[in-house]
Protein backbone atom coordinates (compact mmCIF):
# COMPACT_ATOMS: atom_id res chain seq x y z
CA MET A 1 0.02 0.14 0.08
CA ALA A 2 1.32 3.44 -0.74
CA THR A 3 2.62 5.46 1.94
CA THR A 4 2.88 9.22 2.20
CA ILE A 5 6.25 10.44 3.30
CA LYS A 6 6.40 13.79 5.24
CA SER A 7 9.69 15.36 5.08
CA ALA A 8 11.38 18.49 3.98
CA THR A 9 13.73 18.60 1.11
CA SER A 10 17.08 16.84 1.78
CA ALA A 11 20.23 18.69 2.02
CA ALA A 12 21.69 16.46 -0.24
CA MET A 13 21.16 16.83 -3.91
CA SER A 14 18.78 14.52 -5.29
CA ALA A 15 19.43 12.18 -8.20
CA ALA A 16 17.39 14.22 -10.63
CA VAL A 17 19.15 17.41 -9.69
CA HIS A 18 22.53 15.90 -9.92
CA ARG A 19 21.70 14.53 -13.42
CA LEU A 20 20.09 17.79 -14.49
CA ALA A 21 23.27 19.72 -13.11
CA ASN A 22 25.47 17.67 -15.20
CA THR A 23 23.20 18.39 -18.31
CA VAL A 24 22.50 22.22 -18.18
CA LEU A 25 24.05 24.88 -15.87
CA LEU A 26 21.59 25.39 -13.09
CA ASN A 27 21.84 28.44 -10.76
CA GLU A 28 21.02 28.09 -7.14
CA GLU A 29 17.51 29.31 -7.55
CA GLU A 30 16.78 26.75 -9.77
CA VAL A 31 18.34 24.05 -7.89
CA ASP A 32 16.13 25.21 -4.81
CA PHE A 33 12.93 25.12 -6.84
CA PHE A 34 13.61 21.84 -8.18
CA GLU A 35 14.23 20.25 -4.82
CA GLN A 36 11.16 21.85 -3.35
CA LEU A 37 9.22 20.14 -6.17
CA GLN A 38 10.14 16.98 -4.70
CA ILE A 39 8.75 17.49 -1.17
CA ASN A 40 5.58 15.56 -1.73
CA ARG A 41 6.75 12.05 -1.29
CA VAL A 42 4.98 8.56 -1.60
CA ALA A 43 6.45 5.31 -0.72
CA TYR A 44 5.44 2.00 -2.55
CA GLN A 45 6.12 -1.65 -1.65
CA ARG A 46 7.57 -4.11 -4.34
CA GLY A 47 5.26 -5.18 -6.88
CA GLU A 48 2.69 -2.20 -5.98
CA ASP A 49 1.17 -0.43 -8.88
CA LEU A 50 1.78 3.36 -9.16
CA VAL A 51 -0.40 3.77 -12.38
CA VAL A 52 -2.79 1.53 -14.05
CA ASP A 53 -3.39 1.44 -17.80
CA GLY A 54 -6.57 3.15 -18.65
CA ASP A 55 -6.98 5.21 -15.29
CA ASP A 56 -6.75 8.70 -14.75
CA PHE A 57 -3.16 10.09 -14.86
CA ARG A 58 -2.89 13.59 -13.42
CA VAL A 59 0.13 13.53 -11.49
CA CYS A 60 3.90 13.10 -12.53
CA PHE A 61 6.10 10.98 -10.62
CA LEU A 62 9.95 11.28 -9.97
CA VAL A 63 11.74 8.29 -8.64
CA ARG A 64 13.94 9.33 -5.70
CA ARG A 65 14.92 5.94 -4.58
CA GLY A 66 14.45 2.32 -6.10
CA TRP A 67 13.52 0.96 -9.33
CA ALA A 68 10.20 1.00 -11.19
CA ILE A 69 8.87 -0.64 -14.73
CA LYS A 70 6.56 0.63 -17.11
CA TYR A 71 4.51 -2.27 -18.78
CA LYS A 72 1.75 -3.39 -20.90
CA ILE A 73 -0.50 -6.54 -20.60
CA THR A 74 -1.78 -7.94 -23.92
CA LYS A 75 -5.42 -9.37 -24.18
CA ALA A 76 -3.43 -12.69 -24.16
CA GLY A 77 -2.27 -12.01 -20.77
CA ARG A 78 1.41 -11.49 -22.00
CA ARG A 79 3.42 -8.69 -20.07
CA GLN A 80 5.89 -6.45 -22.00
CA ILE A 81 8.02 -4.22 -19.96
CA ILE A 82 8.39 -1.18 -22.03
CA GLY A 83 10.71 0.81 -19.69
CA VAL A 84 12.80 0.79 -16.36
CA ALA A 85 12.68 4.02 -14.34
CA LEU A 86 15.68 4.54 -11.95
CA PRO A 87 16.40 7.16 -9.53
CA GLY A 88 16.17 10.68 -10.96
CA ASP A 89 13.71 9.61 -13.84
CA PHE A 90 10.30 11.04 -14.47
CA ILE A 91 6.98 9.06 -15.04
CA GLY A 92 4.56 11.07 -16.91
CA LEU A 93 6.74 14.11 -17.34
CA HIS A 94 4.43 15.60 -20.11
CA ILE A 95 1.13 14.71 -18.07
CA ASN A 96 -0.55 17.83 -19.26
CA PHE A 97 -0.88 16.17 -22.79
CA GLN A 98 -2.88 13.08 -21.52
CA ARG A 99 -5.65 12.29 -19.56
CA ARG A 100 -5.48 8.54 -19.09
CA ALA A 101 -2.76 6.43 -18.59
CA SER A 102 -1.61 4.24 -21.65
CA TYR A 103 0.58 2.00 -19.78
CA SER A 104 0.99 0.74 -16.18
CA VAL A 105 3.88 1.40 -13.76
CA ALA A 106 4.85 -1.05 -10.84
CA ALA A 107 7.57 -0.72 -8.25
CA LEU A 108 10.27 -3.22 -9.06
CA THR A 109 11.67 -2.67 -5.62
CA GLU A 110 10.86 -0.73 -2.54
CA LEU A 111 10.17 2.58 -4.00
CA GLU A 112 10.03 6.27 -3.09
CA THR A 113 8.65 8.91 -5.38
CA ALA A 114 8.07 12.56 -5.62
CA VAL A 115 4.68 13.35 -6.59
CA ILE A 116 4.48 16.52 -8.91
CA GLU A 117 1.27 18.33 -9.77
CA PRO A 118 0.85 19.51 -13.51
CA ILE A 119 0.70 23.25 -12.62
CA ARG A 120 4.31 22.95 -10.90
CA LEU A 121 5.65 21.63 -14.30
CA LEU A 122 4.11 24.45 -16.03
CA GLU A 123 5.67 26.86 -13.45
CA VAL A 124 9.04 25.48 -14.48
CA TYR A 125 8.61 26.20 -18.17
CA GLN A 126 7.33 29.85 -17.16
CA LYS A 127 9.85 31.10 -14.78
CA TYR A 128 12.88 28.72 -15.39
CA PRO A 129 13.74 28.14 -19.16
CA VAL A 130 17.16 26.70 -18.49
CA LEU A 131 15.74 24.14 -16.02
CA ALA A 132 12.87 23.60 -18.61
CA SER A 133 15.47 22.70 -21.21
CA GLY A 134 16.94 20.18 -18.99
CA LEU A 135 13.54 18.54 -18.48
CA ASP A 136 13.08 18.60 -22.50
CA TRP A 137 16.72 16.84 -22.62
CA MET A 138 15.26 14.16 -20.32
CA SER A 139 12.17 13.57 -22.64
CA VAL A 140 14.69 13.17 -25.61
CA ARG A 141 16.77 10.84 -23.60
CA ASN A 142 13.85 8.49 -22.78
CA PHE A 143 12.66 8.68 -26.52
CA ASN A 144 16.34 7.51 -27.40
CA ILE A 145 16.11 4.73 -24.83
CA LEU A 146 12.88 3.40 -26.15
CA SER A 147 14.10 3.75 -29.74
CA GLU A 148 17.13 1.68 -28.89
CA HIS A 149 14.80 -0.88 -27.29
CA ASN A 150 12.91 -1.30 -30.54
CA VAL A 151 15.87 -1.68 -32.48
CA SER A 152 16.76 -4.46 -30.15
CA LEU A 153 13.54 -6.21 -30.27
CA GLY A 154 13.27 -6.05 -33.95
CA ALA A 155 16.91 -6.47 -35.13
CA ARG A 156 19.36 -7.71 -32.50
CA PRO A 157 19.59 -11.47 -31.60
CA ALA A 158 18.80 -12.72 -28.17
CA SER A 159 22.30 -12.65 -26.68
CA GLN A 160 23.16 -9.22 -28.25
CA ARG A 161 19.80 -7.80 -27.05
CA ILE A 162 20.29 -8.82 -23.37
CA LEU A 163 23.98 -7.58 -23.24
CA HIS A 164 22.79 -4.23 -24.80
CA PHE A 165 20.23 -3.94 -22.11
CA MET A 166 22.85 -4.79 -19.39
CA LEU A 167 25.21 -2.07 -20.76
CA GLU A 168 22.65 0.38 -20.91
CA LEU A 169 21.64 -0.02 -17.07
CA TRP A 170 25.31 0.04 -16.27
CA CYS A 171 25.75 3.39 -17.79
CA ARG A 172 22.45 4.98 -16.71
CA LEU A 173 23.48 3.75 -12.99
CA ARG A 174 27.03 5.00 -13.22
CA ALA A 175 25.61 8.48 -14.37
CA ILE A 176 23.72 8.76 -10.89
CA GLY A 177 26.55 7.05 -8.66
CA GLU A 178 24.66 3.62 -8.28
CA ALA A 179 27.37 1.59 -10.09
CA ASP A 180 31.15 1.63 -10.56
CA LYS A 181 33.65 0.54 -13.42
CA ASP A 182 33.33 -2.99 -11.88
CA GLY A 183 29.53 -3.32 -12.51
CA PHE A 184 26.26 -2.80 -10.55
CA LYS A 185 23.58 -4.65 -8.42
CA LEU A 186 20.93 -5.98 -10.97
CA MET A 187 17.19 -5.43 -9.24
CA MET A 188 15.44 -7.58 -12.07
CA THR A 189 14.63 -11.26 -11.84
CA GLN A 190 15.13 -13.52 -15.15
CA GLU A 191 11.56 -13.21 -15.61
CA GLN A 192 11.55 -9.56 -15.76
CA ILE A 193 14.41 -9.23 -17.90
CA SER A 194 12.57 -11.76 -20.36
CA ASP A 195 9.53 -9.69 -20.47
CA THR A 196 11.67 -6.71 -21.12
CA MET A 197 13.58 -8.51 -24.05
CA GLY A 198 10.60 -10.00 -25.45
CA LEU A 199 11.96 -13.58 -24.91
CA SER A 200 10.71 -16.65 -23.04
CA LEU A 201 12.18 -17.18 -19.64
CA VAL A 202 13.95 -20.44 -21.09
CA HIS A 203 15.61 -18.36 -23.81
CA THR A 204 16.64 -15.76 -21.39
CA ASN A 205 18.17 -18.19 -19.23
CA LYS A 206 20.03 -19.93 -22.04
CA ASN A 207 21.34 -16.67 -23.39
CA LEU A 208 22.64 -15.40 -20.08
CA ARG A 209 24.51 -18.54 -19.49
CA LYS A 210 25.86 -18.19 -22.81
CA LEU A 211 27.00 -14.53 -22.31
CA GLN A 212 28.76 -15.76 -19.27
CA ARG A 213 30.56 -18.67 -20.81
CA GLU A 214 31.89 -16.40 -23.34
CA GLY A 215 33.16 -14.08 -20.94
CA LEU A 216 30.95 -11.23 -21.98
CA LEU A 217 28.95 -10.90 -18.74
CA SER A 218 29.54 -11.95 -15.08
CA MET A 219 26.42 -12.34 -12.56
CA ASN A 220 27.48 -13.23 -9.00
CA ASN A 221 25.21 -12.86 -6.23
CA GLY A 222 23.06 -10.25 -8.11
CA ILE A 223 26.10 -8.03 -9.23
CA VAL A 224 26.46 -7.66 -12.99
CA GLY A 225 29.99 -7.11 -14.30
CA PHE A 226 31.76 -6.91 -17.68
CA PRO A 227 35.16 -8.84 -17.40
CA ASP A 228 36.10 -7.08 -20.74
CA PRO A 229 34.01 -4.09 -21.14
CA ALA A 230 35.49 -3.31 -24.69
CA ARG A 231 34.65 -6.77 -26.15
CA SER A 232 31.16 -6.62 -24.49
CA ILE A 233 30.48 -3.14 -26.06
CA GLU A 234 31.78 -4.37 -29.43
CA TYR A 235 29.66 -7.64 -29.33
CA ALA A 236 26.32 -5.95 -28.08
CA ASP A 237 26.62 -3.12 -30.83
CA PHE A 238 26.54 -0.73 -28.10
CA ASP A 239 27.01 3.06 -28.98
CA GLU A 240 26.34 5.13 -25.55
CA ARG A 241 25.56 8.32 -27.45
CA PHE A 242 22.03 7.65 -26.81
CA LEU A 243 22.47 8.32 -23.26
CA GLU A 244 24.81 11.15 -23.23
CA ASN A 245 24.27 14.50 -21.64
CA PHE A 246 24.62 17.75 -23.21
CA GLN A 247 28.09 18.45 -21.51
CA GLU A 248 29.26 14.89 -20.30
CA SER A 249 32.29 12.79 -21.75
CA ARG A 250 31.45 9.38 -22.72
CA LEU A 251 30.79 7.18 -19.63
CA VAL A 252 31.82 3.91 -21.27
CA ALA A 253 35.04 5.55 -22.47
CA SER A 254 35.66 6.89 -19.10
CA ALA A 255 35.14 3.19 -17.77
CA LEU A 256 37.52 1.82 -20.17
CA SER A 257 40.25 4.32 -19.41
CA ARG A 258 40.35 3.39 -15.66
């Protein structure tokens, strides 16, 4: 059951502000305003829905802690995960342009979100154009991620598809300080990976074992690593430009240089 959290803005910079500050040059007033947007917080238990496909969708969520998934259920009962939201990611950023949800959202882990009213988002665009450009970049980035997933589903073989997704998660988590050059903690089950990749559970398991056997991926106690990152990047046909900030150096290139 969702729980409202009563707390003032944290003195520590939130993941979203950290990400935006690496993308656009924010002044102190803009940072303070954006942190204040996150005062109204709601916590969700693992597996709990934040949004249900077809229901009224009149607030925007900003993930502060934990992972969430966006998904669709077909008439045949098959689930397709269409996105993974990490700390600093918005869910329903352009809520002013739709009345009902076109997908469902569930907490993949214990989850803390900031709930933002549409009027506050309009205030960003009216008063803080630099901050607004950062939000627009986040929308473009989400589109780029979805585009890469479409390419994977339609044109990449299973093992390449899975490895590409793991590299994506690694880069995204490194950008918010939740992964390092050695890898990251994966918060997804094989079933959830298979629903993201459009594969059966058996096929997903088979290809994960293949990637590990060939030294392209390691999975130990929930920690995902890349024994030879350059080789994994080449095999997966992974080009991290779809994740880049306006001002950042390449994450993968940085990882390889360490």
